Amino acid sequence: MEAYLTAFVVGGLICVIGQLLMDVGKLTPAHTMSTLVVAGAVLAGLGLYEPLIDFAGAGATVPITSFGNSLAHGAMAEAESTGIVGILTGIFEVTSAGISAAIIFGFIASLLVRAKG
């Protein structure tokens, strides 16, 4: 039960940060999403995101900040094995399944639902 509560609180705090960026910082949803992805990548680069995942579990892996963590980990892992070119290839290698799923399910949703407006 404690793990669920921790995940809920940490995930909720990440969402609160995003909401504050939009409400107080007057950022658009796209800018907010980009900011959270970059924050996740920076935290991963500093070695701080993995301890957050160990502490919060799904509370840290479900929000969009986790995508930034995945980008950074893919880039760093490939850079170690193949050099500077690995930075670009690692980003796509690690995140390609998620990006592909988003495109495919977005397309299917566009076929099933008629947009209003």
PDB file of N, CA and C in Angstrom:
ATOM      1  N   MET A   1       0.817  -1.197   0.000  1.00  0.00           N
ATOM      2  CA  MET A   1       0.000   0.000   0.000  1.00  0.00           C
ATOM      3  C   MET A   1       0.863   1.264   0.000  1.00  0.00           C
ATOM      4  N   GLU A   2       1.973   1.197   0.726  1.00  0.00           N
ATOM      5  CA  GLU A   2       2.847   2.359   0.808  1.00  0.00           C
ATOM      6  C   GLU A   2       3.425   2.723  -0.561  1.00  0.00           C
ATOM      7  N   ALA A   3       3.749   1.711  -1.382  1.00  0.00           N
ATOM      8  CA  ALA A   3       4.302   1.968  -2.706  1.00  0.00           C
ATOM      9  C   ALA A   3       3.296   2.699  -3.592  1.00  0.00           C
ATOM     10  N   TYR A   4       2.024   2.330  -3.476  1.00  0.00           N
ATOM     11  CA  TYR A   4       0.988   3.002  -4.258  1.00  0.00           C
ATOM     12  C   TYR A   4       0.867   4.469  -3.864  1.00  0.00           C
ATOM     13  N   LEU A   5       0.916   4.709  -2.568  1.00  0.00           N
ATOM     14  CA  LEU A   5       0.795   6.075  -2.076  1.00  0.00           C
ATOM     15  C   LEU A   5       1.988   6.921  -2.516  1.00  0.00           C
ATOM     16  N   THR A   6       3.180   6.358  -2.433  1.00  0.00           N
ATOM     17  CA  THR A   6       4.382   7.075  -2.865  1.00  0.00           C
ATOM     18  C   THR A   6       4.312   7.392  -4.348  1.00  0.00           C
ATOM     19  N   ALA A   7       3.918   6.415  -5.156  1.00  0.00           N
ATOM     20  CA  ALA A   7       3.794   6.639  -6.593  1.00  0.00           C
ATOM     21  C   ALA A   7       2.759   7.728  -6.883  1.00  0.00           C
ATOM     22  N   PHE A   8       1.635   7.678  -6.177  1.00  0.00           N
ATOM     23  CA  PHE A   8       0.581   8.666  -6.367  1.00  0.00           C
ATOM     24  C   PHE A   8       1.063  10.070  -6.028  1.00  0.00           C
ATOM     25  N   VAL A   9       1.757  10.199  -4.911  1.00  0.00           N
ATOM     26  CA  VAL A   9       2.215  11.514  -4.464  1.00  0.00           C
ATOM     27  C   VAL A   9       3.281  12.074  -5.403  1.00  0.00           C
ATOM     28  N   VAL A  10       4.261  11.269  -5.767  1.00  0.00           N
ATOM     29  CA  VAL A  10       5.334  11.759  -6.641  1.00  0.00           C
ATOM     30  C   VAL A  10       4.790  12.079  -8.032  1.00  0.00           C
ATOM     31  N   GLY A  11       3.979  11.189  -8.587  1.00  0.00           N
ATOM     32  CA  GLY A  11       3.373  11.463  -9.893  1.00  0.00           C
ATOM     33  C   GLY A  11       2.500  12.703  -9.838  1.00  0.00           C
ATOM     34  N   GLY A  12       1.761  12.854  -8.747  1.00  0.00           N
ATOM     35  CA  GLY A  12       0.927  14.037  -8.575  1.00  0.00           C
ATOM     36  C   GLY A  12       1.741  15.314  -8.480  1.00  0.00           C
ATOM     37  N   LEU A  13       2.869  15.254  -7.786  1.00  0.00           N
ATOM     38  CA  LEU A  13       3.729  16.438  -7.682  1.00  0.00           C
ATOM     39  C   LEU A  13       4.301  16.836  -9.035  1.00  0.00           C
ATOM     40  N   ILE A  14       4.666  15.852  -9.850  1.00  0.00           N
ATOM     41  CA  ILE A  14       5.157  16.158 -11.200  1.00  0.00           C
ATOM     42  C   ILE A  14       4.047  16.838 -12.003  1.00  0.00           C
ATOM     43  N   CYS A  15       2.822  16.346 -11.862  1.00  0.00           N
ATOM     44  CA  CYS A  15       1.688  16.952 -12.562  1.00  0.00           C
ATOM     45  C   CYS A  15       1.394  18.355 -12.040  1.00  0.00           C
ATOM     46  N   VAL A  16       1.541  18.563 -10.729  1.00  0.00           N
ATOM     47  CA  VAL A  16       1.340  19.896 -10.151  1.00  0.00           C
ATOM     48  C   VAL A  16       2.363  20.877 -10.730  1.00  0.00           C
ATOM     49  N   ILE A  17       3.597  20.428 -10.871  1.00  0.00           N
ATOM     50  CA  ILE A  17       4.627  21.279 -11.465  1.00  0.00           C
ATOM     51  C   ILE A  17       4.222  21.669 -12.886  1.00  0.00           C
ATOM     52  N   GLY A  18       3.748  20.693 -13.654  1.00  0.00           N
ATOM     53  CA  GLY A  18       3.292  20.985 -15.008  1.00  0.00           C
ATOM     54  C   GLY A  18       2.135  21.965 -15.027  1.00  0.00           C
ATOM     55  N   GLN A  19       1.175  21.782 -14.111  1.00  0.00           N
ATOM     56  CA  GLN A  19       0.022  22.684 -14.053  1.00  0.00           C
ATOM     57  C   GLN A  19       0.450  24.091 -13.655  1.00  0.00           C
ATOM     58  N   LEU A  20       1.392  24.197 -12.725  1.00  0.00           N
ATOM     59  CA  LEU A  20       1.892  25.515 -12.326  1.00  0.00           C
ATOM     60  C   LEU A  20       2.625  26.204 -13.470  1.00  0.00           C
ATOM     61  N   LEU A  21       3.350  25.430 -14.263  1.00  0.00           N
ATOM     62  CA  LEU A  21       4.020  26.021 -15.423  1.00  0.00           C
ATOM     63  C   LEU A  21       3.004  26.646 -16.377  1.00  0.00           C
ATOM     64  N   MET A  22       1.846  25.989 -16.522  1.00  0.00           N
ATOM     65  CA  MET A  22       0.824  26.530 -17.423  1.00  0.00           C
ATOM     66  C   MET A  22       0.056  27.684 -16.784  1.00  0.00           C
ATOM     67  N   ASP A  23      -0.329  27.553 -15.513  1.00  0.00           N
ATOM     68  CA  ASP A  23      -1.169  28.562 -14.869  1.00  0.00           C
ATOM     69  C   ASP A  23      -0.386  29.797 -14.424  1.00  0.00           C
ATOM     70  N   VAL A  24       0.713  29.583 -13.746  1.00  0.00           N
ATOM     71  CA  VAL A  24       1.491  30.702 -13.216  1.00  0.00           C
ATOM     72  C   VAL A  24       2.502  31.198 -14.249  1.00  0.00           C
ATOM     73  N   GLY A  25       3.180  30.250 -14.897  1.00  0.00           N
ATOM     74  CA  GLY A  25       4.188  30.619 -15.882  1.00  0.00           C
ATOM     75  C   GLY A  25       3.617  30.981 -17.239  1.00  0.00           C
ATOM     76  N   LYS A  26       2.325  30.770 -17.432  1.00  0.00           N
ATOM     77  CA  LYS A  26       1.631  31.083 -18.684  1.00  0.00           C
ATOM     78  C   LYS A  26       2.251  30.385 -19.894  1.00  0.00           C
ATOM     79  N   LEU A  27       2.805  29.185 -19.676  1.00  0.00           N
ATOM     80  CA  LEU A  27       3.346  28.405 -20.784  1.00  0.00           C
ATOM     81  C   LEU A  27       2.212  27.660 -21.476  1.00  0.00           C
ATOM     82  N   THR A  28       2.370  27.435 -22.767  1.00  0.00           N
ATOM     83  CA  THR A  28       1.393  26.632 -23.497  1.00  0.00           C
ATOM     84  C   THR A  28       1.589  25.166 -23.116  1.00  0.00           C
ATOM     85  N   PRO A  29       0.592  24.320 -23.376  1.00  0.00           N
ATOM     86  CA  PRO A  29       0.789  22.892 -23.086  1.00  0.00           C
ATOM     87  C   PRO A  29       2.009  22.300 -23.795  1.00  0.00           C
ATOM     88  N   ALA A  30       2.272  22.730 -25.018  1.00  0.00           N
ATOM     89  CA  ALA A  30       3.440  22.214 -25.745  1.00  0.00           C
ATOM     90  C   ALA A  30       4.746  22.629 -25.072  1.00  0.00           C
ATOM     91  N   HIS A  31       4.818  23.886 -24.630  1.00  0.00           N
ATOM     92  CA  HIS A  31       6.022  24.346 -23.939  1.00  0.00           C
ATOM     93  C   HIS A  31       6.187  23.634 -22.594  1.00  0.00           C
ATOM     94  N   THR A  32       5.076  23.401 -21.920  1.00  0.00           N
ATOM     95  CA  THR A  32       5.126  22.694 -20.641  1.00  0.00           C
ATOM     96  C   THR A  32       5.621  21.274 -20.832  1.00  0.00           C
ATOM     97  N   MET A  33       5.090  20.584 -21.845  1.00  0.00           N
ATOM     98  CA  MET A  33       5.516  19.213 -22.114  1.00  0.00           C
ATOM     99  C   MET A  33       7.014  19.180 -22.452  1.00  0.00           C
ATOM    100  N   SER A  34       7.459  20.100 -23.292  1.00  0.00           N
ATOM    101  CA  SER A  34       8.881  20.148 -23.654  1.00  0.00           C
ATOM    102  C   SER A  34       9.751  20.419 -22.433  1.00  0.00           C
ATOM    103  N   THR A  35       9.292  21.311 -21.572  1.00  0.00           N
ATOM    104  CA  THR A  35      10.039  21.626 -20.356  1.00  0.00           C
ATOM    105  C   THR A  35      10.170  20.406 -19.453  1.00  0.00           C
ATOM    106  N   LEU A  36       9.086  19.650 -19.298  1.00  0.00           N
ATOM    107  CA  LEU A  36       9.127  18.460 -18.454  1.00  0.00           C
ATOM    108  C   LEU A  36      10.015  17.371 -19.056  1.00  0.00           C
ATOM    109  N   VAL A  37      10.004  17.220 -20.381  1.00  0.00           N
ATOM    110  CA  VAL A  37      10.884  16.240 -21.025  1.00  0.00           C
ATOM    111  C   VAL A  37      12.347  16.633 -20.813  1.00  0.00           C
ATOM    112  N   VAL A  38      12.656  17.898 -21.025  1.00  0.00           N
ATOM    113  CA  VAL A  38      14.028  18.365 -20.823  1.00  0.00           C
ATOM    114  C   VAL A  38      14.439  18.213 -19.358  1.00  0.00           C
ATOM    115  N   ALA A  39      13.523  18.516 -18.437  1.00  0.00           N
ATOM    116  CA  ALA A  39      13.839  18.349 -17.012  1.00  0.00           C
ATOM    117  C   ALA A  39      14.159  16.892 -16.690  1.00  0.00           C
ATOM    118  N   GLY A  40      13.398  15.972 -17.268  1.00  0.00           N
ATOM    119  CA  GLY A  40      13.672  14.551 -17.061  1.00  0.00           C
ATOM    120  C   GLY A  40      15.030  14.151 -17.620  1.00  0.00           C
ATOM    121  N   ALA A  41      15.372  14.700 -18.781  1.00  0.00           N
ATOM    122  CA  ALA A  41      16.672  14.390 -19.388  1.00  0.00           C
ATOM    123  C   ALA A  41      17.821  14.961 -18.556  1.00  0.00           C
ATOM    124  N   VAL A  42      17.645  16.172 -18.057  1.00  0.00           N
ATOM    125  CA  VAL A  42      18.685  16.799 -17.231  1.00  0.00           C
ATOM    126  C   VAL A  42      18.870  16.018 -15.929  1.00  0.00           C
ATOM    127  N   LEU A  43      17.750  15.651 -15.298  1.00  0.00           N
ATOM    128  CA  LEU A  43      17.848  14.866 -14.065  1.00  0.00           C
ATOM    129  C   LEU A  43      18.520  13.517 -14.316  1.00  0.00           C
ATOM    130  N   ALA A  44      18.239  12.914 -15.473  1.00  0.00           N
ATOM    131  CA  ALA A  44      18.898  11.643 -15.808  1.00  0.00           C
ATOM    132  C   ALA A  44      20.395  11.856 -16.025  1.00  0.00           C
ATOM    133  N   GLY A  45      20.748  12.922 -16.714  1.00  0.00           N
ATOM    134  CA  GLY A  45      22.158  13.222 -16.951  1.00  0.00           C
ATOM    135  C   GLY A  45      22.928  13.474 -15.669  1.00  0.00           C
ATOM    136  N   LEU A  46      22.240  14.030 -14.676  1.00  0.00           N
ATOM    137  CA  LEU A  46      22.872  14.288 -13.379  1.00  0.00           C
ATOM    138  C   LEU A  46      22.822  13.076 -12.456  1.00  0.00           C
ATOM    139  N   GLY A  47      22.186  11.994 -12.925  1.00  0.00           N
ATOM    140  CA  GLY A  47      22.090  10.782 -12.125  1.00  0.00           C
ATOM    141  C   GLY A  47      21.039  10.843 -11.029  1.00  0.00           C
ATOM    142  N   LEU A  48      20.064  11.736 -11.164  1.00  0.00           N
ATOM    143  CA  LEU A  48      19.055  11.912 -10.125  1.00  0.00           C
ATOM    144  C   LEU A  48      17.722  11.240 -10.448  1.00  0.00           C
ATOM    145  N   TYR A  49      17.488  10.886 -11.703  1.00  0.00           N
ATOM    146  CA  TYR A  49      16.181  10.333 -12.051  1.00  0.00           C
ATOM    147  C   TYR A  49      16.051   8.862 -11.666  1.00  0.00           C
ATOM    148  N   GLU A  50      17.103   8.096 -11.784  1.00  0.00           N
ATOM    149  CA  GLU A  50      17.040   6.677 -11.391  1.00  0.00           C
ATOM    150  C   GLU A  50      16.724   6.508  -9.904  1.00  0.00           C
ATOM    151  N   PRO A  51      17.351   7.276  -9.000  1.00  0.00           N
ATOM    152  CA  PRO A  51      16.940   7.167  -7.595  1.00  0.00           C
ATOM    153  C   PRO A  51      15.469   7.553  -7.390  1.00  0.00           C
ATOM    154  N   LEU A  52      14.967   8.508  -8.180  1.00  0.00           N
ATOM    155  CA  LEU A  52      13.561   8.876  -8.088  1.00  0.00           C
ATOM    156  C   LEU A  52      12.671   7.710  -8.526  1.00  0.00           C
ATOM    157  N   ILE A  53      13.075   7.001  -9.581  1.00  0.00           N
ATOM    158  CA  ILE A  53      12.332   5.817 -10.033  1.00  0.00           C
ATOM    159  C   ILE A  53      12.370   4.730  -8.967  1.00  0.00           C
ATOM    160  N   ASP A  54      13.532   4.521  -8.358  1.00  0.00           N
ATOM    161  CA  ASP A  54      13.641   3.519  -7.291  1.00  0.00           C
ATOM    162  C   ASP A  54      12.731   3.862  -6.107  1.00  0.00           C
ATOM    163  N   PHE A  55      12.590   5.138  -5.828  1.00  0.00           N
ATOM    164  CA  PHE A  55      11.758   5.584  -4.707  1.00  0.00           C
ATOM    165  C   PHE A  55      10.270   5.565  -5.050  1.00  0.00           C
ATOM    166  N   ALA A  56       9.900   6.064  -6.237  1.00  0.00           N
ATOM    167  CA  ALA A  56       8.486   6.287  -6.547  1.00  0.00           C
ATOM    168  C   ALA A  56       7.888   5.297  -7.531  1.00  0.00           C
ATOM    169  N   GLY A  57       8.686   4.476  -8.173  1.00  0.00           N
ATOM    170  CA  GLY A  57       8.153   3.499  -9.121  1.00  0.00           C
ATOM    171  C   GLY A  57       7.383   4.159 -10.248  1.00  0.00           C
ATOM    172  N   ALA A  58       6.127   3.753 -10.431  1.00  0.00           N
ATOM    173  CA  ALA A  58       5.308   4.266 -11.531  1.00  0.00           C
ATOM    174  C   ALA A  58       5.051   5.762 -11.400  1.00  0.00           C
ATOM    175  N   GLY A  59       5.160   6.303 -10.207  1.00  0.00           N
ATOM    176  CA  GLY A  59       4.994   7.743 -10.031  1.00  0.00           C
ATOM    177  C   GLY A  59       6.041   8.538 -10.775  1.00  0.00           C
ATOM    178  N   ALA A  60       7.175   7.913 -11.068  1.00  0.00           N
ATOM    179  CA  ALA A  60       8.234   8.582 -11.823  1.00  0.00           C
ATOM    180  C   ALA A  60       8.362   8.055 -13.248  1.00  0.00           C
ATOM    181  N   THR A  61       7.844   6.857 -13.516  1.00  0.00           N
ATOM    182  CA  THR A  61       7.995   6.305 -14.871  1.00  0.00           C
ATOM    183  C   THR A  61       6.827   6.618 -15.789  1.00  0.00           C
ATOM    184  N   VAL A  62       5.671   6.955 -15.238  1.00  0.00           N
ATOM    185  CA  VAL A  62       4.498   7.239 -16.071  1.00  0.00           C
ATOM    186  C   VAL A  62       4.482   8.672 -16.607  1.00  0.00           C
ATOM    187  N   PRO A  63       4.809   9.711 -15.819  1.00  0.00           N
ATOM    188  CA  PRO A  63       4.758  11.074 -16.356  1.00  0.00           C
ATOM    189  C   PRO A  63       5.743  11.296 -17.502  1.00  0.00           C
ATOM    190  N   ILE A  64       5.542  12.365 -18.236  1.00  0.00           N
ATOM    191  CA  ILE A  64       6.330  12.665 -19.434  1.00  0.00           C
ATOM    192  C   ILE A  64       7.803  12.893 -19.112  1.00  0.00           C
ATOM    193  N   THR A  65       8.141  13.203 -17.888  1.00  0.00           N
ATOM    194  CA  THR A  65       9.547  13.370 -17.515  1.00  0.00           C
ATOM    195  C   THR A  65      10.331  12.081 -17.744  1.00  0.00           C
ATOM    196  N   SER A  66       9.648  10.947 -17.666  1.00  0.00           N
ATOM    197  CA  SER A  66      10.303   9.668 -17.901  1.00  0.00           C
ATOM    198  C   SER A  66      10.769   9.525 -19.343  1.00  0.00           C
ATOM    199  N   PHE A  67      10.063  10.183 -20.279  1.00  0.00           N
ATOM    200  CA  PHE A  67      10.488  10.151 -21.676  1.00  0.00           C
ATOM    201  C   PHE A  67      11.843  10.842 -21.822  1.00  0.00           C
ATOM    202  N   GLY A  68      12.022  11.944 -21.135  1.00  0.00           N
ATOM    203  CA  GLY A  68      13.317  12.623 -21.144  1.00  0.00           C
ATOM    204  C   GLY A  68      14.399  11.748 -20.537  1.00  0.00           C
ATOM    205  N   ASN A  69      14.051  11.026 -19.482  1.00  0.00           N
ATOM    206  CA  ASN A  69      14.987  10.081 -18.876  1.00  0.00           C
ATOM    207  C   ASN A  69      15.392   9.009 -19.883  1.00  0.00           C
ATOM    208  N   SER A  70      14.427   8.483 -20.620  1.00  0.00           N
ATOM    209  CA  SER A  70      14.727   7.453 -21.628  1.00  0.00           C
ATOM    210  C   SER A  70      15.617   8.003 -22.738  1.00  0.00           C
ATOM    211  N   LEU A  71      15.331   9.220 -23.181  1.00  0.00           N
ATOM    212  CA  LEU A  71      16.163   9.839 -24.216  1.00  0.00           C
ATOM    213  C   LEU A  71      17.606   9.970 -23.749  1.00  0.00           C
ATOM    214  N   ALA A  72      17.782  10.459 -22.531  1.00  0.00           N
ATOM    215  CA  ALA A  72      19.136  10.661 -22.002  1.00  0.00           C
ATOM    216  C   ALA A  72      19.866   9.338 -21.820  1.00  0.00           C
ATOM    217  N   HIS A  73      19.168   8.330 -21.284  1.00  0.00           N
ATOM    218  CA  HIS A  73      19.816   7.035 -21.078  1.00  0.00           C
ATOM    219  C   HIS A  73      20.217   6.389 -22.400  1.00  0.00           C
ATOM    220  N   GLY A  74      19.342   6.466 -23.395  1.00  0.00           N
ATOM    221  CA  GLY A  74      19.670   5.906 -24.704  1.00  0.00           C
ATOM    222  C   GLY A  74      20.867   6.592 -25.323  1.00  0.00           C
ATOM    223  N   ALA A  75      20.895   7.920 -25.227  1.00  0.00           N
ATOM    224  CA  ALA A  75      22.007   8.681 -25.797  1.00  0.00           C
ATOM    225  C   ALA A  75      23.317   8.367 -25.085  1.00  0.00           C
ATOM    226  N   MET A  76      23.276   8.312 -23.753  1.00  0.00           N
ATOM    227  CA  MET A  76      24.508   8.058 -22.993  1.00  0.00           C
ATOM    228  C   MET A  76      25.025   6.637 -23.209  1.00  0.00           C
ATOM    229  N   ALA A  77      24.121   5.671 -23.263  1.00  0.00           N
ATOM    230  CA  ALA A  77      24.546   4.278 -23.452  1.00  0.00           C
ATOM    231  C   ALA A  77      25.184   4.072 -24.822  1.00  0.00           C
ATOM    232  N   GLU A  78      24.563   4.609 -25.845  1.00  0.00           N
ATOM    233  CA  GLU A  78      25.120   4.453 -27.194  1.00  0.00           C
ATOM    234  C   GLU A  78      26.382   5.278 -27.391  1.00  0.00           C
ATOM    235  N   ALA A  79      26.467   6.431 -26.747  1.00  0.00           N
ATOM    236  CA  ALA A  79      27.673   7.248 -26.855  1.00  0.00           C
ATOM    237  C   ALA A  79      28.874   6.519 -26.261  1.00  0.00           C
ATOM    238  N   GLU A  80      28.644   5.767 -25.193  1.00  0.00           N
ATOM    239  CA  GLU A  80      29.737   5.000 -24.592  1.00  0.00           C
ATOM    240  C   GLU A  80      30.223   3.893 -25.505  1.00  0.00           C
ATOM    241  N   SER A  81      29.294   3.264 -26.245  1.00  0.00           N
ATOM    242  CA  SER A  81      29.685   2.120 -27.070  1.00  0.00           C
ATOM    243  C   SER A  81      30.113   2.504 -28.484  1.00  0.00           C
ATOM    244  N   THR A  82      29.508   3.539 -29.070  1.00  0.00           N
ATOM    245  CA  THR A  82      29.826   3.846 -30.469  1.00  0.00           C
ATOM    246  C   THR A  82      30.359   5.250 -30.688  1.00  0.00           C
ATOM    247  N   GLY A  83      30.467   6.038 -29.648  1.00  0.00           N
ATOM    248  CA  GLY A  83      31.002   7.384 -29.803  1.00  0.00           C
ATOM    249  C   GLY A  83      29.915   8.418 -30.059  1.00  0.00           C
ATOM    250  N   ILE A  84      30.327   9.516 -30.669  1.00  0.00           N
ATOM    251  CA  ILE A  84      29.451  10.673 -30.831  1.00  0.00           C
ATOM    252  C   ILE A  84      28.210  10.372 -31.679  1.00  0.00           C
ATOM    253  N   VAL A  85      28.326   9.498 -32.653  1.00  0.00           N
ATOM    254  CA  VAL A  85      27.176   9.137 -33.491  1.00  0.00           C
ATOM    255  C   VAL A  85      26.141   8.399 -32.655  1.00  0.00           C
ATOM    256  N   GLY A  86      26.582   7.705 -31.636  1.00  0.00           N
ATOM    257  CA  GLY A  86      25.687   6.960 -30.773  1.00  0.00           C
ATOM    258  C   GLY A  86      24.697   7.835 -30.027  1.00  0.00           C
ATOM    259  N   ILE A  87      25.026   9.106 -29.869  1.00  0.00           N
ATOM    260  CA  ILE A  87      24.093  10.009 -29.188  1.00  0.00           C
ATOM    261  C   ILE A  87      22.783  10.075 -29.965  1.00  0.00           C
ATOM    262  N   LEU A  88      22.874  10.242 -31.276  1.00  0.00           N
ATOM    263  CA  LEU A  88      21.658  10.319 -32.094  1.00  0.00           C
ATOM    264  C   LEU A  88      20.985   8.968 -32.253  1.00  0.00           C
ATOM    265  N   THR A  89      21.757   7.935 -32.514  1.00  0.00           N
ATOM    266  CA  THR A  89      21.145   6.623 -32.723  1.00  0.00           C
ATOM    267  C   THR A  89      20.559   6.067 -31.435  1.00  0.00           C
ATOM    268  N   GLY A  90      21.170   6.358 -30.304  1.00  0.00           N
ATOM    269  CA  GLY A  90      20.670   5.861 -29.023  1.00  0.00           C
ATOM    270  C   GLY A  90      19.323   6.444 -28.665  1.00  0.00           C
ATOM    271  N   ILE A  91      19.121   7.708 -28.996  1.00  0.00           N
ATOM    272  CA  ILE A  91      17.838   8.355 -28.715  1.00  0.00           C
ATOM    273  C   ILE A  91      16.714   7.618 -29.431  1.00  0.00           C
ATOM    274  N   PHE A  92      16.928   7.316 -30.696  1.00  0.00           N
ATOM    275  CA  PHE A  92      15.878   6.671 -31.483  1.00  0.00           C
ATOM    276  C   PHE A  92      15.726   5.196 -31.147  1.00  0.00           C
ATOM    277  N   GLU A  93      16.822   4.557 -30.807  1.00  0.00           N
ATOM    278  CA  GLU A  93      16.774   3.121 -30.500  1.00  0.00           C
ATOM    279  C   GLU A  93      15.933   2.841 -29.253  1.00  0.00           C
ATOM    280  N   VAL A  94      16.095   3.652 -28.229  1.00  0.00           N
ATOM    281  CA  VAL A  94      15.406   3.411 -26.968  1.00  0.00           C
ATOM    282  C   VAL A  94      13.944   3.852 -27.013  1.00  0.00           C
ATOM    283  N   THR A  95      13.653   4.933 -27.714  1.00  0.00           N
ATOM    284  CA  THR A  95      12.304   5.504 -27.664  1.00  0.00           C
ATOM    285  C   THR A  95      11.445   5.190 -28.880  1.00  0.00           C
ATOM    286  N   SER A  96      11.950   4.450 -29.835  1.00  0.00           N
ATOM    287  CA  SER A  96      11.205   4.229 -31.082  1.00  0.00           C
ATOM    288  C   SER A  96       9.883   3.496 -30.864  1.00  0.00           C
ATOM    289  N   ALA A  97       9.823   2.562 -29.946  1.00  0.00           N
ATOM    290  CA  ALA A  97       8.570   1.834 -29.711  1.00  0.00           C
ATOM    291  C   ALA A  97       7.489   2.766 -29.177  1.00  0.00           C
ATOM    292  N   GLY A  98       7.833   3.621 -28.246  1.00  0.00           N
ATOM    293  CA  GLY A  98       6.857   4.558 -27.691  1.00  0.00           C
ATOM    294  C   GLY A  98       6.388   5.576 -28.710  1.00  0.00           C
ATOM    295  N   ILE A  99       7.315   6.084 -29.502  1.00  0.00           N
ATOM    296  CA  ILE A  99       6.945   7.058 -30.533  1.00  0.00           C
ATOM    297  C   ILE A  99       6.060   6.399 -31.580  1.00  0.00           C
ATOM    298  N   SER A 100       6.420   5.196 -31.997  1.00  0.00           N
ATOM    299  CA  SER A 100       5.617   4.474 -32.984  1.00  0.00           C
ATOM    300  C   SER A 100       4.217   4.189 -32.462  1.00  0.00           C
ATOM    301  N   ALA A 101       4.110   3.766 -31.219  1.00  0.00           N
ATOM    302  CA  ALA A 101       2.790   3.484 -30.633  1.00  0.00           C
ATOM    303  C   ALA A 101       1.947   4.751 -30.586  1.00  0.00           C
ATOM    304  N   ALA A 102       2.537   5.872 -30.225  1.00  0.00           N
ATOM    305  CA  ALA A 102       1.791   7.132 -30.169  1.00  0.00           C
ATOM    306  C   ALA A 102       1.265   7.518 -31.545  1.00  0.00           C
ATOM    307  N   ILE A 103       2.074   7.338 -32.568  1.00  0.00           N
ATOM    308  CA  ILE A 103       1.647   7.671 -33.930  1.00  0.00           C
ATOM    309  C   ILE A 103       0.535   6.736 -34.383  1.00  0.00           C
ATOM    310  N   ILE A 104       0.715   5.448 -34.180  1.00  0.00           N
ATOM    311  CA  ILE A 104      -0.285   4.463 -34.631  1.00  0.00           C
ATOM    312  C   ILE A 104      -1.613   4.650 -33.907  1.00  0.00           C
ATOM    313  N   PHE A 105      -1.582   4.764 -32.571  1.00  0.00           N
ATOM    314  CA  PHE A 105      -2.833   4.914 -31.827  1.00  0.00           C
ATOM    315  C   PHE A 105      -3.479   6.270 -32.082  1.00  0.00           C
ATOM    316  N   GLY A 106      -2.677   7.291 -32.321  1.00  0.00           N
ATOM    317  CA  GLY A 106      -3.234   8.592 -32.692  1.00  0.00           C
ATOM    318  C   GLY A 106      -3.946   8.529 -34.027  1.00  0.00           C
ATOM    319  N   PHE A 107      -3.369   7.804 -34.973  1.00  0.00           N
ATOM    320  CA  PHE A 107      -3.999   7.634 -36.285  1.00  0.00           C
ATOM    321  C   PHE A 107      -5.300   6.856 -36.160  1.00  0.00           C
ATOM    322  N   ILE A 108      -5.284   5.773 -35.388  1.00  0.00           N
ATOM    323  CA  ILE A 108      -6.503   4.976 -35.193  1.00  0.00           C
ATOM    324  C   ILE A 108      -7.590   5.825 -34.532  1.00  0.00           C
ATOM    325  N   ALA A 109      -7.217   6.621 -33.539  1.00  0.00           N
ATOM    326  CA  ALA A 109      -8.197   7.487 -32.878  1.00  0.00           C
ATOM    327  C   ALA A 109      -8.772   8.501 -33.856  1.00  0.00           C
ATOM    328  N   SER A 110      -7.935   9.009 -34.760  1.00  0.00           N
ATOM    329  CA  SER A 110      -8.434   9.985 -35.736  1.00  0.00           C
ATOM    330  C   SER A 110      -9.420   9.358 -36.709  1.00  0.00           C
ATOM    331  N   LEU A 111      -9.307   8.062 -36.937  1.00  0.00           N
ATOM    332  CA  LEU A 111     -10.258   7.375 -37.813  1.00  0.00           C
ATOM    333  C   LEU A 111     -11.579   7.098 -37.097  1.00  0.00           C
ATOM    334  N   LEU A 112     -11.518   6.893 -35.794  1.00  0.00           N
ATOM    335  CA  LEU A 112     -12.708   6.506 -35.032  1.00  0.00           C
ATOM    336  C   LEU A 112     -13.499   7.695 -34.495  1.00  0.00           C
ATOM    337  N   VAL A 113     -12.867   8.827 -34.299  1.00  0.00           N
ATOM    338  CA  VAL A 113     -13.514   9.961 -33.650  1.00  0.00           C
ATOM    339  C   VAL A 113     -13.471  11.175 -34.572  1.00  0.00           C
ATOM    340  N   ARG A 114     -14.607  11.837 -34.723  1.00  0.00           N
ATOM    341  CA  ARG A 114     -14.657  13.053 -35.523  1.00  0.00           C
ATOM    342  C   ARG A 114     -14.394  14.244 -34.609  1.00  0.00           C
ATOM    343  N   ALA A 115     -13.415  15.040 -34.977  1.00  0.00           N
ATOM    344  CA  ALA A 115     -13.042  16.205 -34.170  1.00  0.00           C
ATOM    345  C   ALA A 115     -14.145  17.265 -34.240  1.00  0.00           C
ATOM    346  N   LYS A 116     -14.362  17.939 -33.123  1.00  0.00           N
ATOM    347  CA  LYS A 116     -15.344  19.024 -33.090  1.00  0.00           C
ATOM    348  C   LYS A 116     -14.611  20.337 -33.272  1.00  0.00           C
ATOM    349  N   GLY A 117     -15.190  21.212 -34.021  1.00  0.00           N
ATOM    350  CA  GLY A 117     -14.603  22.551 -34.182  1.00  0.00           C
ATOM    351  C   GLY A 117     -13.810  22.712 -35.346  1.00  0.00           C
TER     352      GLY A 117
END
